[in-house]
């Protein structure tokens, strides 16, 4: 029983490390995109809107694939 608990805790730690930045604790770009895609899917399915505020302090091109998927600021829910 103890081995199973230790293994489960270790798997959770690995999942958290893979999806968050160690320095900031924020989602990695990949994890953020996955979460945003899931939220958009839920919003479409339920017929509700979805708002997202994206700030880029350094005004760098992020290469975020959400834009390439047509999920930019002018996206309309249908």
Protein backbone atom coordinates (compact mmCIF):
# COMPACT_ATOMS: atom_id res chain seq x y z
CA UNK A 1 0.00 0.00 0.00
CA UNK A 2 2.78 2.41 0.87
CA UNK A 3 4.59 1.75 -2.42
CA UNK A 4 1.44 2.58 -4.39
CA UNK A 5 1.03 5.85 -2.47
CA UNK A 6 4.66 6.81 -3.04
CA UNK A 7 4.39 5.99 -6.72
CA UNK A 8 1.18 8.04 -7.10
CA UNK A 9 2.80 11.01 -5.31
CA UNK A 10 5.86 10.75 -7.54
CA UNK A 11 3.69 10.65 -10.68
CA UNK A 12 1.85 13.79 -9.53
CA UNK A 13 5.16 15.57 -8.94
CA UNK A 14 6.38 14.60 -12.40
CA UNK A 15 3.15 15.81 -14.02
CA UNK A 16 3.38 19.12 -12.18
CA UNK A 17 7.04 19.54 -13.17
CA UNK A 18 6.22 18.86 -16.82
CA UNK A 19 3.42 21.42 -16.97
CA UNK A 20 4.76 24.30 -14.85
CA UNK A 21 7.80 26.53 -14.92
CA UNK A 22 10.06 25.80 -11.94
CA UNK A 23 10.93 29.48 -11.39
CA UNK A 24 7.51 31.13 -11.75
CA UNK A 25 5.13 28.26 -11.04
CA UNK A 26 3.13 29.28 -14.13
CA UNK A 27 1.94 26.89 -16.80
CA UNK A 28 4.37 26.15 -19.61
CA UNK A 29 3.26 27.30 -23.05
CA UNK A 30 2.25 23.78 -24.00
CA UNK A 31 0.19 23.29 -20.82
CA UNK A 32 -1.40 26.73 -21.27
CA UNK A 33 -2.40 25.92 -24.84
CA UNK A 34 -3.90 22.60 -23.72
CA UNK A 35 -5.90 24.33 -20.97
CA UNK A 36 -7.06 27.08 -23.36
CA UNK A 37 -8.15 24.54 -25.98
CA UNK A 38 -10.12 22.59 -23.35
CA UNK A 39 -11.77 25.79 -22.10
CA UNK A 40 -12.74 26.78 -25.65
CA UNK A 41 -14.20 23.34 -26.28
CA UNK A 42 -16.27 23.55 -23.07
CA UNK A 43 -17.46 27.06 -23.98
CA UNK A 44 -18.51 25.98 -27.46
CA UNK A 45 -20.29 22.90 -26.13
CA UNK A 46 -22.19 24.84 -23.48
CA UNK A 47 -22.94 27.86 -25.68
CA UNK A 48 -21.18 30.23 -23.28
CA UNK A 49 -18.56 32.83 -24.12
CA UNK A 50 -14.94 32.67 -23.13
CA UNK A 51 -12.67 35.57 -22.28
CA UNK A 52 -8.89 35.55 -22.26
CA UNK A 53 -6.50 38.34 -21.37
CA UNK A 54 -2.99 37.82 -22.68
CA UNK A 55 -0.28 40.22 -21.55
CA UNK A 56 3.20 40.28 -23.02
CA UNK A 57 5.37 42.52 -20.88
CA UNK A 58 8.29 42.40 -23.27
CA UNK A 59 6.28 42.73 -26.50
CA UNK A 60 7.91 39.65 -27.94
CA UNK A 61 6.33 37.52 -30.58
CA UNK A 62 5.27 34.46 -28.62
CA UNK A 63 4.55 32.11 -31.49
CA UNK A 64 1.49 30.96 -29.59
CA UNK A 65 -0.28 28.38 -31.70
CA UNK A 66 -3.69 29.63 -30.51
CA UNK A 67 -3.49 32.32 -33.18
CA UNK A 68 -2.64 29.81 -35.87
CA UNK A 69 -5.69 27.76 -34.83
CA UNK A 70 -7.95 30.74 -35.45
CA UNK A 71 -8.37 31.49 -31.75
CA UNK A 72 -7.12 35.06 -31.93
CA UNK A 73 -8.80 38.12 -30.44
CA UNK A 74 -11.31 38.43 -33.25
CA UNK A 75 -12.62 34.88 -32.94
CA UNK A 76 -16.41 34.65 -32.78
CA UNK A 77 -18.29 31.84 -31.10
CA UNK A 78 -20.87 30.21 -33.32
